[in-house]
Amino acid sequence: MVLNTQVDQTFAALSKSDAQLAPLADSIYTKPASAERVSTAKAALEANGFKVHVANTRGEAFETLKTLIPAGASVNNAHSTSLEEIGFITYLKGETAWNNVHSTILAEKDQAKQAELRRTIGSTVDYYLTSVSAVTEDGKLAHSDLSGSKVGGVAFGAANVIVLVGTNKIVKDEDEAFKRIHEFTLAAESARVRIAYGLPASQVVHYEVIRKANPFNPNRIQIVLVNDALGY
């Protein structure tokens, strides 16, 4: 089993180490959804044109991801605690059958040049791996970021997108997705950046709702829905 090397950045760890996040430790958004809600969300996502794979465990999710990416493909990932928690980020750093563009980007230490790599090769890979912060019961995806690199890659840049998402992120509708991201996800991400970068907080600069699959490329976004609580 491949391990998560960022255990201090899981929600469970952050809610213990960060006093500002502690009040949210027992939030409903930390709990896996019921089987009924999962079934409802899956059916709605499929009705909206997305291809959905359900994984019952983290290990099953890990193996599903491996099968979805063909050998020789270029791969990049957004920052994703969910991908870290199933061990996939650690796995990508080793020897795989893919071209891991993310390692090339991080190898560039000049910040301006690294940003340009994120904009060019990072956003136009064959497969872009990420998570989202909310999945609605009527089959929509919602997420945000600060720099725009994640939103841009998901919206259009990458040839294919694979979204790994725990069922703790299922919400009723777009209104609740907005609430979850601004009241829960932002608080958790702010706790993470305090550890990772020494910054006081993160920001929701770019906010995106994906309501349907692209009718001209309906198989572009695939969703691996995991019956577990992952990320934030």
Foldseek 3Di string as FASTA:
>chain_A
DAAQPPVCQFLCNLLVVPVLQVVCNPPLLQFADDPVLVVLLQVLQVVQLAAEAEAADLQRLLVVVLVVDDFAWEEEEDDFQQCSHSNNVVVLVDDDSYHDLHVVLVVDPPVVVSVVSLVPVVLATQEYEYAAQAGESNNKTKHFFAPCSVVNSVVDRYQAYEYEAENSRYDHDPVVNVVCCVPPVQSSVQSNCCVVPVDNGGDGPDMDMGNHADPVRSHRYHYYYYRHRGGD
